[in-house]
Amino acid sequence: MRVIFAGGGTAGHINPALAIAGYIKDKDPKSVILYIGAQGGMEERLVPQAGVDLKTIKISGFKRSFSPQAIKENIITLKRAVTSTADAKKIIREFKPDICIGTGGYVSGPVIRAAVKLGIPAVIHEQNAFPGVTTKMLSKSVQKVMLANPYAKKYLSDNCHFVTTGNPVRGEIITASKEGSRKALGLDERPVILSFGGSLGARRINEGTADLIARSGKDGKYQIIHAYGQYGKWFPDLLREKGIEPNDCPNLDIREYINNMPACLAAADLVICRAGAITLSELQVQGKPAILIPSPNVAENHQYHNAMSMVDAKAAFIIEESELTGDKVTELAVKILSDPALLSEYSQNAGKMAIVDANDRIYSVIKTVVKGVAK
């Protein structure tokens, strides 16, 4: 099977594509995979690292502003929209794929449109609870729209062919055990809080959790693993200003980056984090209650909709960034961890949302579409 993937702009679009690509290679080692990404995007780094062939096209997104600079950039984007479709058609004709798979981001638009015009089977995978502009635009013309979250159905036309598949989740996340992970991390029976804002860090999450972490450093009530991110190297000094030396508190694990997320997530009783699609899928697989702080700096505020899909299911709590304070985070965390029945209810509800066989479902859709067209 020859497969083209198209997606980019953020790791949230790239990593699912790479996970699906890896699964296809596992199931069908003879398959040939090509990734089409945006020139200058992070896919230029991530895709080759994953051992997947990459070709790029010049494409950019529209600026939602009427400033002179934004208007100038949007004119360039319009020109690129024409040339990128032509470039995508050329790559598709040369590669001769059996199927094209879009995983979101503006680069997937011209590639999937070109595939449809050339009569190549095409599907898209939407990671978020609120479908992106590209998904909405392409949903009626592709063979299948694979949804990670059934919450997204209400935002799509009834005329599109959608199926709920879930998001690809790493196998080590699925299999990590709470007991084994706590033992490996040297944690005891006290409640464990895991908090993070992504590899770069999120200033507001760092600021919002600092009071809770400092309080725990003083009273030892909770064990906390917190990642402050690449741009949060000032965070340990903030804790010192609040009266604790993090290196002297054995119940605190304060670090820049979490490179053993499967163990840390499995060990946690409560998670405080953003509401990215893959993160929420991992929370669900592990059945972890969470305090979600959606990033307001994402397209179409999709993290808010992601968070609300769990809040509505009584699987998570939400604090919007505009209302985020140290007191609110501390009060809510203490309330949750002080109520075993509430903690158990939200844990069970998170687990009920999990789709642990997403890779199988996605692969099945791909094979069915390819076979259906081959007939």
Protein backbone atom coordinates (compact mmCIF):
# COMPACT_ATOMS: atom_id res chain seq x y z
CA MET A 1 0.00 0.00 0.00
CA ARG A 2 1.28 3.45 -0.94
CA VAL A 3 0.17 6.19 1.44
CA ILE A 4 0.53 9.97 1.52
CA PHE A 5 0.06 11.86 4.78
CA ALA A 6 -0.53 15.60 4.89
CA GLY A 7 -0.62 17.62 8.08
CA GLY A 8 1.40 20.16 9.94
CA GLY A 9 1.71 23.43 11.74
CA THR A 10 1.73 21.89 15.22
CA ALA A 11 2.84 18.65 16.81
CA GLY A 12 -0.86 17.97 17.44
CA HIS A 13 -1.30 17.41 13.70
CA ILE A 14 2.09 15.84 12.99
CA ASN A 15 2.39 13.25 15.78
CA PRO A 16 -0.96 11.52 15.06
CA ALA A 17 0.07 11.19 11.42
CA LEU A 18 3.40 9.66 12.42
CA ALA A 19 1.65 7.31 14.87
CA ILE A 20 -0.72 6.11 12.14
CA ALA A 21 2.17 5.80 9.68
CA GLY A 22 4.11 3.70 12.17
CA TYR A 23 1.14 1.41 12.73
CA ILE A 24 0.65 0.96 8.98
CA LYS A 25 4.32 -0.07 8.66
CA ASP A 26 3.90 -2.52 11.54
CA LYS A 27 0.88 -4.13 9.90
CA ASP A 28 2.20 -3.93 6.36
CA PRO A 29 6.02 -3.69 6.26
CA LYS A 30 5.95 -3.44 2.46
CA SER A 31 3.91 -0.24 2.55
CA VAL A 32 5.52 2.93 1.20
CA ILE A 33 4.79 6.18 3.00
CA LEU A 34 5.34 9.80 2.02
CA TYR A 35 4.61 12.83 4.19
CA ILE A 36 3.77 16.19 2.58
CA GLY A 37 4.33 19.11 4.92
CA ALA A 38 4.70 22.87 4.89
CA GLN A 39 8.05 24.34 3.97
CA GLY A 40 9.58 25.78 7.15
CA GLY A 41 7.23 23.90 9.47
CA MET A 42 8.24 21.74 12.43
CA GLU A 43 7.45 18.70 10.30
CA GLU A 44 10.81 19.31 8.59
CA ARG A 45 12.39 18.18 11.86
CA LEU A 46 9.88 15.68 13.28
CA VAL A 47 9.08 13.65 10.16
CA PRO A 48 12.67 12.72 9.13
CA GLN A 49 13.41 11.93 12.80
CA ALA A 50 10.63 9.34 12.59
CA GLY A 51 12.22 7.79 9.51
CA VAL A 52 9.45 8.90 7.15
CA ASP A 53 10.16 10.43 3.73
CA LEU A 54 9.15 14.08 3.47
CA LYS A 55 8.34 16.50 0.67
CA THR A 56 7.30 20.09 1.35
CA ILE A 57 5.17 22.69 -0.38
CA LYS A 58 4.99 26.43 0.20
CA ILE A 59 1.78 27.18 2.07
CA SER A 60 0.73 29.49 4.86
CA GLY A 61 -2.37 30.27 6.88
CA PHE A 62 -4.54 33.38 6.71
CA LYS A 63 -4.04 36.14 9.27
CA ARG A 64 -7.23 37.12 11.09
CA SER A 65 -6.48 40.81 11.01
CA PHE A 66 -6.95 43.81 8.73
CA SER A 67 -3.61 45.43 9.52
CA PRO A 68 -1.50 46.42 6.48
CA GLN A 69 1.02 43.68 7.27
CA ALA A 70 -1.72 41.04 7.65
CA ILE A 71 -3.33 42.08 4.36
CA LYS A 72 0.04 41.84 2.63
CA GLU A 73 0.66 38.37 4.08
CA ASN A 74 -2.85 37.21 3.13
CA ILE A 75 -2.23 38.21 -0.50
CA ILE A 76 0.90 36.04 -0.44
CA THR A 77 -1.16 33.22 1.12
CA LEU A 78 -3.74 33.46 -1.69
CA LYS A 79 -1.00 33.11 -4.30
CA ARG A 80 0.47 30.15 -2.40
CA ALA A 81 -2.95 28.48 -2.26
CA VAL A 82 -2.89 28.26 -6.06
CA THR A 83 0.73 27.16 -6.42
CA SER A 84 0.55 24.70 -3.48
CA THR A 85 -2.35 22.83 -5.07
CA ALA A 86 -0.37 22.52 -8.31
CA ASP A 87 2.71 21.37 -6.38
CA ALA A 88 0.61 18.84 -4.44
CA LYS A 89 -0.85 17.44 -7.66
CA LYS A 90 2.64 16.99 -9.08
CA ILE A 91 3.85 15.10 -6.00
CA ILE A 92 0.73 12.93 -5.95
CA ARG A 93 1.03 12.04 -9.64
CA GLU A 94 4.69 11.08 -9.18
CA PHE A 95 4.12 9.03 -6.01
CA LYS A 96 0.90 7.32 -7.19
CA PRO A 97 -0.65 6.72 -3.73
CA ASP A 98 -3.42 4.27 -2.98
CA ILE A 99 -4.78 6.73 -0.40
CA CYS A 100 -4.12 10.21 0.99
CA ILE A 101 -4.66 10.94 4.69
CA GLY A 102 -5.02 14.45 6.08
CA THR A 103 -4.45 15.09 9.78
CA GLY A 104 -5.17 18.82 9.89
CA GLY A 105 -3.36 22.10 9.59
CA TYR A 106 -3.47 24.32 6.53
CA VAL A 107 -1.02 22.14 4.57
CA SER A 108 -3.51 19.27 4.44
CA GLY A 109 -6.02 21.43 2.54
CA PRO A 110 -4.31 21.66 -0.86
CA VAL A 111 -3.00 18.08 -0.66
CA ILE A 112 -6.36 16.45 0.06
CA ARG A 113 -8.14 18.74 -2.42
CA ALA A 114 -5.63 17.73 -5.09
CA ALA A 115 -6.10 14.04 -4.25
CA VAL A 116 -9.88 14.32 -4.58
CA LYS A 117 -9.57 16.09 -7.95
CA LEU A 118 -7.21 13.37 -9.17
CA GLY A 119 -9.61 10.62 -8.09
CA ILE A 120 -7.34 9.32 -5.30
CA PRO A 121 -9.14 7.94 -2.22
CA ALA A 122 -8.84 10.41 0.66
CA VAL A 123 -9.69 10.43 4.36
CA ILE A 124 -9.09 12.93 7.15
CA HIS A 125 -8.48 12.47 10.85
CA GLU A 126 -9.74 15.17 13.20
CA GLN A 127 -8.06 15.11 16.61
CA ASN A 128 -10.13 17.78 18.35
CA ALA A 129 -13.65 18.04 19.72
CA PHE A 130 -14.18 21.13 17.56
CA PRO A 131 -13.28 20.42 13.91
CA GLY A 132 -10.78 22.77 12.32
CA VAL A 133 -11.47 24.89 9.25
CA THR A 134 -9.60 22.42 7.02
CA THR A 135 -11.68 19.48 8.28
CA LYS A 136 -14.95 21.35 7.74
CA MET A 137 -13.87 22.41 4.26
CA LEU A 138 -12.86 18.91 3.16
CA SER A 139 -15.39 16.80 5.08
CA LYS A 140 -17.98 16.51 2.28
CA SER A 141 -15.49 15.54 -0.43
CA VAL A 142 -13.48 12.76 1.27
CA GLN A 143 -14.51 9.13 1.69
CA LYS A 144 -14.32 9.20 5.50
CA VAL A 145 -13.88 11.69 8.31
CA MET A 146 -12.30 9.91 11.27
CA LEU A 147 -13.19 11.63 14.53
CA ALA A 148 -11.17 11.28 17.70
CA ASN A 149 -14.04 12.69 19.72
CA PRO A 150 -17.74 12.01 18.99
CA TYR A 151 -18.40 15.50 20.42
CA ALA A 152 -17.24 16.84 17.02
CA LYS A 153 -20.18 15.33 15.11
CA LYS A 154 -22.51 18.21 15.90
CA TYR A 155 -20.21 20.66 14.10
CA LEU A 156 -20.15 18.70 10.83
CA SER A 157 -22.69 18.37 8.05
CA ASP A 158 -24.95 15.32 8.10
CA ASN A 159 -23.82 14.72 4.51
CA CYS A 160 -20.27 13.78 5.45
CA HIS A 161 -19.30 10.19 6.22
CA PHE A 162 -17.80 10.16 9.68
CA VAL A 163 -16.69 7.42 12.02
CA THR A 164 -15.36 7.65 15.58
CA THR A 165 -11.87 6.17 15.79
CA GLY A 166 -10.22 7.99 18.68
CA ASN A 167 -6.69 9.40 18.70
CA PRO A 168 -3.63 7.17 18.38
CA VAL A 169 -2.23 6.65 21.89
CA ARG A 170 1.25 5.27 22.57
CA GLY A 171 1.21 1.66 23.73
CA GLU A 172 3.36 2.45 26.78
CA ILE A 173 0.69 4.93 27.96
CA ILE A 174 -1.98 2.24 27.69
CA THR A 175 -0.01 -0.43 29.55
CA ALA A 176 1.63 1.63 32.33
CA SER A 177 0.33 0.62 35.78
CA LYS A 178 -0.20 2.92 38.74
CA GLU A 179 1.42 0.63 41.28
CA GLY A 180 4.44 -0.20 39.14
CA SER A 181 4.95 3.42 38.12
CA ARG A 182 4.79 4.70 41.70
CA LYS A 183 7.34 2.14 42.76
CA ALA A 184 9.65 3.06 39.86
CA LEU A 185 9.35 6.77 40.71
CA GLY A 186 9.93 6.23 44.44
CA LEU A 187 6.49 7.56 45.41
CA ASP A 188 4.57 6.58 48.54
CA GLU A 189 0.85 6.38 49.33
CA ARG A 190 0.21 10.13 49.51
CA PRO A 191 -1.83 11.64 46.65
CA VAL A 192 0.17 12.42 43.53
CA ILE A 193 -0.44 15.50 41.38
CA LEU A 194 1.06 15.75 37.90
CA SER A 195 1.15 19.22 36.34
CA PHE A 196 2.66 20.45 33.09
CA GLY A 197 2.16 22.91 30.25
CA GLY A 198 3.96 21.25 27.34
CA SER A 199 7.60 21.00 26.30
CA LEU A 200 7.99 24.78 25.97
CA GLY A 201 6.07 25.42 29.15
CA ALA A 202 3.01 27.58 29.82
CA ARG A 203 3.66 30.67 31.95
CA ARG A 204 0.10 30.84 33.25
CA ILE A 205 0.10 27.18 34.35
CA ASN A 206 3.44 27.69 36.07
CA GLU A 207 2.10 30.75 37.87
CA GLY A 208 -1.24 29.10 38.63
CA THR A 209 0.25 25.99 40.23
CA ALA A 210 3.05 27.70 42.17
CA ASP A 211 0.97 28.30 45.32
CA LEU A 212 -0.22 24.68 45.43
CA ILE A 213 3.33 23.40 44.93
CA ALA A 214 4.79 25.75 47.56
CA ARG A 215 2.09 24.79 50.06
CA SER A 216 2.76 21.09 49.43
CA GLY A 217 6.48 21.68 49.87
CA LYS A 218 5.75 23.07 53.33
CA ASP A 219 3.09 20.64 54.61
CA GLY A 220 4.11 17.50 52.65
CA LYS A 221 0.45 16.60 52.04
CA TYR A 222 0.81 15.89 48.33
CA GLN A 223 3.52 14.52 46.09
CA ILE A 224 3.84 16.71 43.00
CA ILE A 225 5.57 16.19 39.68
CA HIS A 226 5.70 19.47 37.79
CA ALA A 227 7.33 20.29 34.45
CA TYR A 228 7.90 24.00 33.87
CA GLY A 229 9.11 23.74 30.27
CA GLN A 230 11.89 25.24 28.20
CA TYR A 231 10.72 28.82 28.76
CA GLY A 232 9.98 28.36 32.46
CA LYS A 233 13.48 28.11 33.89
CA TRP A 234 12.55 30.96 36.25
CA PHE A 235 10.00 28.72 38.01
CA PRO A 236 12.26 27.26 40.76
CA ASP A 237 13.13 30.84 41.77
CA LEU A 238 9.41 31.65 42.02
CA LEU A 239 9.02 28.76 44.47
CA ARG A 240 11.94 30.11 46.48
CA GLU A 241 10.19 33.47 46.62
CA LYS A 242 7.19 31.63 48.05
CA GLY A 243 9.32 30.23 50.87
CA ILE A 244 10.52 26.79 49.79
CA GLU A 245 13.70 25.34 48.32
CA PRO A 246 12.35 22.75 45.82
CA ASN A 247 15.55 20.70 45.95
CA ASP A 248 15.08 20.22 49.70
CA CYS A 249 11.48 18.92 49.44
CA PRO A 250 11.50 15.15 48.83
CA ASN A 251 7.79 15.19 47.92
CA LEU A 252 8.40 17.62 45.02
CA ASP A 253 9.78 16.62 41.63
CA ILE A 254 10.28 19.91 39.79
CA ARG A 255 11.85 19.57 36.37
CA GLU A 256 12.03 21.22 32.97
CA TYR A 257 10.63 18.36 30.95
CA ILE A 258 8.87 15.05 31.57
CA ASN A 259 10.68 12.42 29.53
CA ASN A 260 8.93 9.50 31.24
CA MET A 261 5.32 10.60 30.78
CA PRO A 262 3.81 7.06 30.76
CA ALA A 263 5.07 6.43 34.31
CA CYS A 264 4.28 9.92 35.61
CA LEU A 265 0.76 9.86 34.19
CA ALA A 266 0.03 6.36 35.50
CA ALA A 267 1.28 7.33 38.97
CA ALA A 268 -0.92 10.43 39.26
CA ASP A 269 -4.20 10.79 41.12
CA LEU A 270 -4.91 14.20 39.57
CA VAL A 271 -3.50 15.96 36.51
CA ILE A 272 -3.34 19.71 35.88
CA CYS A 273 -2.65 20.54 32.24
CA ARG A 274 -3.71 22.09 28.95
CA ALA A 275 -6.46 20.49 26.85
CA GLY A 276 -4.65 19.33 23.73
CA ALA A 277 -6.37 16.48 21.94
CA ILE A 278 -3.67 13.83 22.41
CA THR A 279 -3.18 14.76 26.07
CA LEU A 280 -6.89 14.25 26.74
CA SER A 281 -6.88 10.90 24.95
CA GLU A 282 -4.01 9.83 27.20
CA LEU A 283 -5.88 11.00 30.31
CA GLN A 284 -8.88 8.95 29.25
CA VAL A 285 -6.85 5.81 28.56
CA GLN A 286 -5.34 6.05 32.05
CA GLY A 287 -8.66 7.11 33.65
CA LYS A 288 -7.19 10.25 35.19
CA PRO A 289 -9.34 13.09 36.57
CA ALA A 290 -7.96 16.46 35.55
CA ILE A 291 -8.10 20.19 36.06
CA LEU A 292 -7.94 21.47 32.50
CA ILE A 293 -6.67 24.94 31.66
CA PRO A 294 -7.30 25.35 27.91
CA SER A 295 -4.88 27.48 25.95
CA PRO A 296 -6.67 30.51 24.52
CA ASN A 297 -3.92 30.91 21.91
CA VAL A 298 -5.05 28.16 19.53
CA ALA A 299 -7.13 28.13 16.36
CA GLU A 300 -10.89 28.41 16.95
CA ASN A 301 -10.40 28.00 20.71
CA HIS A 302 -10.45 24.24 20.12
CA GLN A 303 -8.85 23.40 23.48
CA TYR A 304 -11.89 24.84 25.25
CA HIS A 305 -14.16 22.50 23.28
CA ASN A 306 -11.81 19.58 23.97
CA ALA A 307 -11.98 20.34 27.68
CA MET A 308 -15.76 20.70 27.70
CA SER A 309 -16.19 17.25 26.18
CA MET A 310 -14.63 15.86 29.39
CA VAL A 311 -16.29 18.38 31.70
CA ASP A 312 -19.73 17.48 30.30
CA ALA A 313 -18.95 13.81 30.94
CA LYS A 314 -17.96 14.61 34.54
CA ALA A 315 -14.45 13.41 33.82
CA ALA A 316 -12.61 16.72 34.32
CA PHE A 317 -12.86 20.22 35.73
CA ILE A 318 -12.06 23.42 33.87
CA ILE A 319 -10.48 26.72 34.84
CA GLU A 320 -10.30 29.16 31.95
CA GLU A 321 -7.07 31.08 31.76
CA SER A 322 -8.86 34.42 32.21
CA GLU A 323 -10.04 33.19 35.62
CA LEU A 324 -6.89 31.33 36.63
CA THR A 325 -5.43 32.14 40.03
CA GLY A 326 -3.27 30.25 42.46
CA ASP A 327 -6.10 30.23 44.99
CA LYS A 328 -8.55 28.69 42.50
CA VAL A 329 -6.15 25.93 41.49
CA THR A 330 -5.29 25.13 45.11
CA GLU A 331 -8.91 25.18 46.29
CA LEU A 332 -10.11 22.92 43.46
CA ALA A 333 -7.23 20.45 43.77
CA VAL A 334 -7.75 20.13 47.53
CA LYS A 335 -11.51 19.68 47.05
CA ILE A 336 -11.01 16.87 44.53
CA LEU A 337 -8.30 15.02 46.44
CA SER A 338 -10.21 15.32 49.73
CA ASP A 339 -13.26 13.53 48.30
CA PRO A 340 -12.47 9.88 47.42
CA ALA A 341 -15.97 9.32 45.99
CA LEU A 342 -15.64 12.32 43.67
CA LEU A 343 -12.16 11.27 42.62
CA SER A 344 -13.35 7.75 41.87
CA GLU A 345 -16.40 8.97 39.92
CA TYR A 346 -14.35 11.26 37.69
CA SER A 347 -11.69 8.59 37.21
CA GLN A 348 -14.28 6.07 36.07
CA ASN A 349 -15.94 8.59 33.75
CA ALA A 350 -12.60 9.47 32.16
CA GLY A 351 -11.95 5.77 31.58
CA LYS A 352 -15.36 5.35 29.92
CA MET A 353 -14.36 7.93 27.31
CA ALA A 354 -11.20 6.05 26.36
CA ILE A 355 -10.73 4.46 22.96
CA VAL A 356 -7.80 2.10 23.40
CA ASP A 357 -7.98 0.49 19.95
CA ALA A 358 -7.76 3.73 17.95
CA ASN A 359 -4.89 2.45 15.81
CA ASP A 360 -6.87 -0.65 14.83
CA ARG A 361 -9.95 1.42 14.02
CA ILE A 362 -8.00 3.90 11.90
CA TYR A 363 -6.15 1.15 10.03
CA SER A 364 -9.44 -0.64 9.37
CA VAL A 365 -10.95 2.52 7.86
CA ILE A 366 -7.91 3.03 5.64
CA LYS A 367 -7.94 -0.56 4.36
CA THR A 368 -11.71 -0.49 3.79
CA VAL A 369 -11.52 2.73 1.77
CA VAL A 370 -8.62 1.45 -0.35
CA LYS A 371 -10.36 -1.89 -1.01
CA GLY A 372 -13.68 -0.19 -1.73
CA VAL A 373 -12.16 2.03 -4.40
CA ALA A 374 -10.09 -0.86 -5.81
CA LYS A 375 -13.31 -2.75 -6.49
